Each structure stands twice: as structure tokens, then as C-alpha cells.
Amino acid sequence: MTVNDALRLIAGFFVLLSILLAYFFHPAWLLFTGFVALNLMQSAFTRWCPMMTILRKAGLKDG
């Protein structure tokens, strides 16, 4: 698995998790979904994401 693949997997998991938490517990969890979206948009322009740094340090390779 490459860094980009893992990043997409983690982002999708976080969005799904926050939607489920908002549905079952409290709508404020949707703020976390917004945070993930803003981070994805920021990384599209800067080509840098904190999670990518973490994944590279964990040993995943760039695709």
C-alpha cells in the first residue's frame, strides 16, 4: 500500500466515522467531517498533509 492509498483510506474512514458518531450521538461530530474536508482541500493546493508525514515515517512508500 502506498502513502496515497493509505491517505485516502484514512480520510474515508474518518468521514464515515464522524457521520456515524453524529447520527448516533451528537451532530457536533460533523465538525470533524468539516476538518477532514478542509485538510484535504489544503493538501490539494500545498501537496502536503500531516498524515502523509506520519505514514512515511511508518514505512509506507510513495506511489
PDB file of N, CA and C in Angstrom:
ATOM      1  N   MET A   1       0.850  -1.174   0.000  1.00  0.00           N
ATOM      2  CA  MET A   1       0.000   0.000   0.000  1.00  0.00           C
ATOM      3  C   MET A   1       0.896   1.238   0.000  1.00  0.00           C
ATOM      4  N   THR A   2       0.535   2.207  -0.819  1.00  0.00           N
ATOM      5  CA  THR A   2       1.321   3.426  -0.907  1.00  0.00           C
ATOM      6  C   THR A   2       0.776   4.491   0.047  1.00  0.00           C
ATOM      7  N   VAL A   3       1.508   5.578   0.186  1.00  0.00           N
ATOM      8  CA  VAL A   3       1.081   6.677   1.048  1.00  0.00           C
ATOM      9  C   VAL A   3      -0.251   7.242   0.572  1.00  0.00           C
ATOM     10  N   ASN A   4      -0.398   7.428  -0.736  1.00  0.00           N
ATOM     11  CA  ASN A   4      -1.648   7.990  -1.269  1.00  0.00           C
ATOM     12  C   ASN A   4      -2.838   7.062  -1.026  1.00  0.00           C
ATOM     13  N   ASP A   5      -2.626   5.776  -1.198  1.00  0.00           N
ATOM     14  CA  ASP A   5      -3.710   4.814  -0.943  1.00  0.00           C
ATOM     15  C   ASP A   5      -4.123   4.839   0.525  1.00  0.00           C
ATOM     16  N   ALA A   6      -3.140   4.826   1.412  1.00  0.00           N
ATOM     17  CA  ALA A   6      -3.430   4.840   2.843  1.00  0.00           C
ATOM     18  C   ALA A   6      -4.095   6.142   3.255  1.00  0.00           C
ATOM     19  N   LEU A   7      -3.672   7.246   2.672  1.00  0.00           N
ATOM     20  CA  LEU A   7      -4.269   8.543   2.994  1.00  0.00           C
ATOM     21  C   LEU A   7      -5.740   8.576   2.607  1.00  0.00           C
ATOM     22  N   ARG A   8      -6.066   8.070   1.439  1.00  0.00           N
ATOM     23  CA  ARG A   8      -7.473   8.016   1.014  1.00  0.00           C
ATOM     24  C   ARG A   8      -8.290   7.104   1.934  1.00  0.00           C
ATOM     25  N   LEU A   9      -7.715   5.979   2.315  1.00  0.00           N
ATOM     26  CA  LEU A   9      -8.394   5.053   3.212  1.00  0.00           C
ATOM     27  C   LEU A   9      -8.677   5.694   4.568  1.00  0.00           C
ATOM     28  N   ILE A  10      -7.688   6.367   5.121  1.00  0.00           N
ATOM     29  CA  ILE A  10      -7.843   7.001   6.434  1.00  0.00           C
ATOM     30  C   ILE A  10      -8.857   8.142   6.359  1.00  0.00           C
ATOM     31  N   ALA A  11      -8.784   8.976   5.325  1.00  0.00           N
ATOM     32  CA  ALA A  11      -9.732  10.083   5.187  1.00  0.00           C
ATOM     33  C   ALA A  11     -11.160   9.563   5.055  1.00  0.00           C
ATOM     34  N   GLY A  12     -11.357   8.548   4.249  1.00  0.00           N
ATOM     35  CA  GLY A  12     -12.686   7.959   4.107  1.00  0.00           C
ATOM     36  C   GLY A  12     -13.199   7.367   5.406  1.00  0.00           C
ATOM     37  N   PHE A  13     -12.308   6.703   6.139  1.00  0.00           N
ATOM     38  CA  PHE A  13     -12.693   6.132   7.431  1.00  0.00           C
ATOM     39  C   PHE A  13     -13.103   7.227   8.403  1.00  0.00           C
ATOM     40  N   PHE A  14     -12.321   8.323   8.466  1.00  0.00           N
ATOM     41  CA  PHE A  14     -12.639   9.416   9.383  1.00  0.00           C
ATOM     42  C   PHE A  14     -13.975  10.073   9.030  1.00  0.00           C
ATOM     43  N   VAL A  15     -14.252  10.246   7.742  1.00  0.00           N
ATOM     44  CA  VAL A  15     -15.527  10.843   7.344  1.00  0.00           C
ATOM     45  C   VAL A  15     -16.682   9.927   7.732  1.00  0.00           C
ATOM     46  N   LEU A  16     -16.558   8.648   7.430  1.00  0.00           N
ATOM     47  CA  LEU A  16     -17.617   7.701   7.785  1.00  0.00           C
ATOM     48  C   LEU A  16     -17.805   7.624   9.295  1.00  0.00           C
ATOM     49  N   LEU A  17     -16.713   7.577  10.034  1.00  0.00           N
ATOM     50  CA  LEU A  17     -16.792   7.525  11.491  1.00  0.00           C
ATOM     51  C   LEU A  17     -17.497   8.750  12.060  1.00  0.00           C
ATOM     52  N   SER A  18     -17.143   9.928  11.569  1.00  0.00           N
ATOM     53  CA  SER A  18     -17.760  11.137  12.111  1.00  0.00           C
ATOM     54  C   SER A  18     -19.244  11.225  11.759  1.00  0.00           C
ATOM     55  N   ILE A  19     -19.625  10.740  10.594  1.00  0.00           N
ATOM     56  CA  ILE A  19     -21.051  10.716  10.240  1.00  0.00           C
ATOM     57  C   ILE A  19     -21.813   9.774  11.161  1.00  0.00           C
ATOM     58  N   LEU A  20     -21.248   8.612  11.422  1.00  0.00           N
ATOM     59  CA  LEU A  20     -21.900   7.671  12.342  1.00  0.00           C
ATOM     60  C   LEU A  20     -21.997   8.235  13.753  1.00  0.00           C
ATOM     61  N   LEU A  21     -20.929   8.881  14.214  1.00  0.00           N
ATOM     62  CA  LEU A  21     -20.962   9.486  15.545  1.00  0.00           C
ATOM     63  C   LEU A  21     -21.992  10.609  15.618  1.00  0.00           C
ATOM     64  N   ALA A  22     -22.121  11.390  14.548  1.00  0.00           N
ATOM     65  CA  ALA A  22     -23.123  12.460  14.517  1.00  0.00           C
ATOM     66  C   ALA A  22     -24.541  11.891  14.522  1.00  0.00           C
ATOM     67  N   TYR A  23     -24.730  10.799  13.833  1.00  0.00           N
ATOM     68  CA  TYR A  23     -26.059  10.199  13.760  1.00  0.00           C
ATOM     69  C   TYR A  23     -26.473   9.579  15.096  1.00  0.00           C
ATOM     70  N   PHE A  24     -25.544   8.851  15.724  1.00  0.00           N
ATOM     71  CA  PHE A  24     -25.895   8.114  16.927  1.00  0.00           C
ATOM     72  C   PHE A  24     -25.689   8.896  18.227  1.00  0.00           C
ATOM     73  N   PHE A  25     -24.838   9.927  18.231  1.00  0.00           N
ATOM     74  CA  PHE A  25     -24.526  10.592  19.487  1.00  0.00           C
ATOM     75  C   PHE A  25     -24.826  12.091  19.482  1.00  0.00           C
ATOM     76  N   HIS A  26     -24.164  12.857  18.631  1.00  0.00           N
ATOM     77  CA  HIS A  26     -24.369  14.300  18.659  1.00  0.00           C
ATOM     78  C   HIS A  26     -23.957  14.906  17.315  1.00  0.00           C
ATOM     79  N   PRO A  27     -24.767  15.829  16.784  1.00  0.00           N
ATOM     80  CA  PRO A  27     -24.469  16.434  15.483  1.00  0.00           C
ATOM     81  C   PRO A  27     -23.167  17.231  15.442  1.00  0.00           C
ATOM     82  N   ALA A  28     -22.627  17.598  16.581  1.00  0.00           N
ATOM     83  CA  ALA A  28     -21.371  18.348  16.610  1.00  0.00           C
ATOM     84  C   ALA A  28     -20.208  17.541  16.022  1.00  0.00           C
ATOM     85  N   TRP A  29     -20.359  16.225  15.924  1.00  0.00           N
ATOM     86  CA  TRP A  29     -19.308  15.410  15.310  1.00  0.00           C
ATOM     87  C   TRP A  29     -19.114  15.746  13.838  1.00  0.00           C
ATOM     88  N   LEU A  30     -20.087  16.408  13.233  1.00  0.00           N
ATOM     89  CA  LEU A  30     -19.938  16.805  11.831  1.00  0.00           C
ATOM     90  C   LEU A  30     -18.849  17.868  11.667  1.00  0.00           C
ATOM     91  N   LEU A  31     -18.480  18.546  12.735  1.00  0.00           N
ATOM     92  CA  LEU A  31     -17.353  19.474  12.673  1.00  0.00           C
ATOM     93  C   LEU A  31     -16.060  18.734  12.333  1.00  0.00           C
ATOM     94  N   PHE A  32     -15.945  17.505  12.802  1.00  0.00           N
ATOM     95  CA  PHE A  32     -14.780  16.696  12.466  1.00  0.00           C
ATOM     96  C   PHE A  32     -14.758  16.372  10.971  1.00  0.00           C
ATOM     97  N   THR A  33     -15.926  16.121  10.401  1.00  0.00           N
ATOM     98  CA  THR A  33     -16.020  15.900   8.962  1.00  0.00           C
ATOM     99  C   THR A  33     -15.549  17.139   8.215  1.00  0.00           C
ATOM    100  N   GLY A  34     -15.951  18.307   8.693  1.00  0.00           N
ATOM    101  CA  GLY A  34     -15.509  19.556   8.090  1.00  0.00           C
ATOM    102  C   GLY A  34     -14.005  19.741   8.187  1.00  0.00           C
ATOM    103  N   PHE A  35     -13.425  19.358   9.317  1.00  0.00           N
ATOM    104  CA  PHE A  35     -11.976  19.450   9.485  1.00  0.00           C
ATOM    105  C   PHE A  35     -11.252  18.565   8.476  1.00  0.00           C
ATOM    106  N   VAL A  36     -11.735  17.357   8.296  1.00  0.00           N
ATOM    107  CA  VAL A  36     -11.125  16.446   7.330  1.00  0.00           C
ATOM    108  C   VAL A  36     -11.232  17.035   5.923  1.00  0.00           C
ATOM    109  N   ALA A  37     -12.381  17.596   5.579  1.00  0.00           N
ATOM    110  CA  ALA A  37     -12.572  18.189   4.258  1.00  0.00           C
ATOM    111  C   ALA A  37     -11.629  19.372   4.044  1.00  0.00           C
ATOM    112  N   LEU A  38     -11.508  20.242   5.035  1.00  0.00           N
ATOM    113  CA  LEU A  38     -10.599  21.385   4.904  1.00  0.00           C
ATOM    114  C   LEU A  38      -9.155  20.928   4.745  1.00  0.00           C
ATOM    115  N   ASN A  39      -8.774  19.902   5.479  1.00  0.00           N
ATOM    116  CA  ASN A  39      -7.412  19.388   5.368  1.00  0.00           C
ATOM    117  C   ASN A  39      -7.160  18.792   3.990  1.00  0.00           C
ATOM    118  N   LEU A  40      -8.144  18.091   3.428  1.00  0.00           N
ATOM    119  CA  LEU A  40      -7.999  17.540   2.079  1.00  0.00           C
ATOM    120  C   LEU A  40      -7.881  18.655   1.041  1.00  0.00           C
ATOM    121  N   MET A  41      -8.670  19.718   1.194  1.00  0.00           N
ATOM    122  CA  MET A  41      -8.590  20.833   0.243  1.00  0.00           C
ATOM    123  C   MET A  41      -7.248  21.548   0.364  1.00  0.00           C
ATOM    124  N   GLN A  42      -6.778  21.746   1.587  1.00  0.00           N
ATOM    125  CA  GLN A  42      -5.486  22.388   1.800  1.00  0.00           C
ATOM    126  C   GLN A  42      -4.372  21.558   1.167  1.00  0.00           C
ATOM    127  N   SER A  43      -4.428  20.256   1.331  1.00  0.00           N
ATOM    128  CA  SER A  43      -3.367  19.405   0.795  1.00  0.00           C
ATOM    129  C   SER A  43      -3.390  19.360  -0.733  1.00  0.00           C
ATOM    130  N   ALA A  44      -4.537  19.617  -1.343  1.00  0.00           N
ATOM    131  CA  ALA A  44      -4.610  19.662  -2.806  1.00  0.00           C
ATOM    132  C   ALA A  44      -3.803  20.832  -3.360  1.00  0.00           C
ATOM    133  N   PHE A  45      -3.755  21.918  -2.612  1.00  0.00           N
ATOM    134  CA  PHE A  45      -3.021  23.096  -3.069  1.00  0.00           C
ATOM    135  C   PHE A  45      -1.553  23.072  -2.658  1.00  0.00           C
ATOM    136  N   THR A  46      -1.259  22.571  -1.468  1.00  0.00           N
ATOM    137  CA  THR A  46       0.114  22.631  -0.955  1.00  0.00           C
ATOM    138  C   THR A  46       0.899  21.356  -1.196  1.00  0.00           C
ATOM    139  N   ARG A  47       0.203  20.265  -1.552  1.00  0.00           N
ATOM    140  CA  ARG A  47       0.841  18.956  -1.737  1.00  0.00           C
ATOM    141  C   ARG A  47       1.479  18.450  -0.451  1.00  0.00           C
ATOM    142  N   TRP A  48       0.963  18.901   0.707  1.00  0.00           N
ATOM    143  CA  TRP A  48       1.476  18.454   1.993  1.00  0.00           C
ATOM    144  C   TRP A  48       0.311  18.199   2.934  1.00  0.00           C
ATOM    145  N   CYS A  49       0.400  17.104   3.656  1.00  0.00           N
ATOM    146  CA  CYS A  49      -0.614  16.733   4.624  1.00  0.00           C
ATOM    147  C   CYS A  49       0.107  16.112   5.818  1.00  0.00           C
ATOM    148  N   PRO A  50      -0.253  16.491   7.030  1.00  0.00           N
ATOM    149  CA  PRO A  50       0.416  15.914   8.207  1.00  0.00           C
ATOM    150  C   PRO A  50       0.359  14.383   8.240  1.00  0.00           C
ATOM    151  N   MET A  51      -0.754  13.812   7.806  1.00  0.00           N
ATOM    152  CA  MET A  51      -0.883  12.354   7.827  1.00  0.00           C
ATOM    153  C   MET A  51       0.108  11.698   6.870  1.00  0.00           C
ATOM    154  N   MET A  52       0.430  12.366   5.767  1.00  0.00           N
ATOM    155  CA  MET A  52       1.405  11.801   4.828  1.00  0.00           C
ATOM    156  C   MET A  52       2.780  11.686   5.489  1.00  0.00           C
ATOM    157  N   THR A  53       3.139  12.678   6.281  1.00  0.00           N
ATOM    158  CA  THR A  53       4.407  12.628   7.003  1.00  0.00           C
ATOM    159  C   THR A  53       4.418  11.459   7.975  1.00  0.00           C
ATOM    160  N   ILE A  54       3.328  11.257   8.671  1.00  0.00           N
ATOM    161  CA  ILE A  54       3.216  10.151   9.627  1.00  0.00           C
ATOM    162  C   ILE A  54       3.306   8.814   8.898  1.00  0.00           C
ATOM    163  N   LEU A  55       2.623   8.698   7.772  1.00  0.00           N
ATOM    164  CA  LEU A  55       2.627   7.436   7.024  1.00  0.00           C
ATOM    165  C   LEU A  55       4.009   7.121   6.463  1.00  0.00           C
ATOM    166  N   ARG A  56       4.720   8.151   6.007  1.00  0.00           N
ATOM    167  CA  ARG A  56       6.090   7.921   5.515  1.00  0.00           C
ATOM    168  C   ARG A  56       7.003   7.458   6.639  1.00  0.00           C
ATOM    169  N   LYS A  57       6.852   8.060   7.818  1.00  0.00           N
ATOM    170  CA  LYS A  57       7.668   7.634   8.964  1.00  0.00           C
ATOM    171  C   LYS A  57       7.317   6.230   9.410  1.00  0.00           C
ATOM    172  N   ALA A  58       6.077   5.808   9.121  1.00  0.00           N
ATOM    173  CA  ALA A  58       5.654   4.455   9.451  1.00  0.00           C
ATOM    174  C   ALA A  58       6.175   3.426   8.446  1.00  0.00           C
ATOM    175  N   GLY A  59       6.806   3.913   7.359  1.00  0.00           N
ATOM    176  CA  GLY A  59       7.424   2.988   6.429  1.00  0.00           C
ATOM    177  C   GLY A  59       6.731   2.819   5.098  1.00  0.00           C
ATOM    178  N   LEU A  60       5.628   3.525   4.857  1.00  0.00           N
ATOM    179  CA  LEU A  60       4.953   3.406   3.574  1.00  0.00           C
ATOM    180  C   LEU A  60       5.712   4.202   2.524  1.00  0.00           C
ATOM    181  N   LYS A  61       5.682   3.713   1.322  1.00  0.00           N
ATOM    182  CA  LYS A  61       6.413   4.334   0.220  1.00  0.00           C
ATOM    183  C   LYS A  61       5.473   5.165  -0.650  1.00  0.00           C
ATOM    184  N   ASP A  62       6.037   6.192  -1.287  1.00  0.00           N
ATOM    185  CA  ASP A  62       5.274   6.988  -2.250  1.00  0.00           C
ATOM    186  C   ASP A  62       5.010   6.151  -3.487  1.00  0.00           C
ATOM    187  N   GLY A  63       3.854   6.384  -4.081  1.00  0.00           N
ATOM    188  CA  GLY A  63       3.475   5.618  -5.259  1.00  0.00           C
ATOM    189  C   GLY A  63       3.937   6.291  -6.444  1.00  0.00           C
TER     190      GLY A  63
END
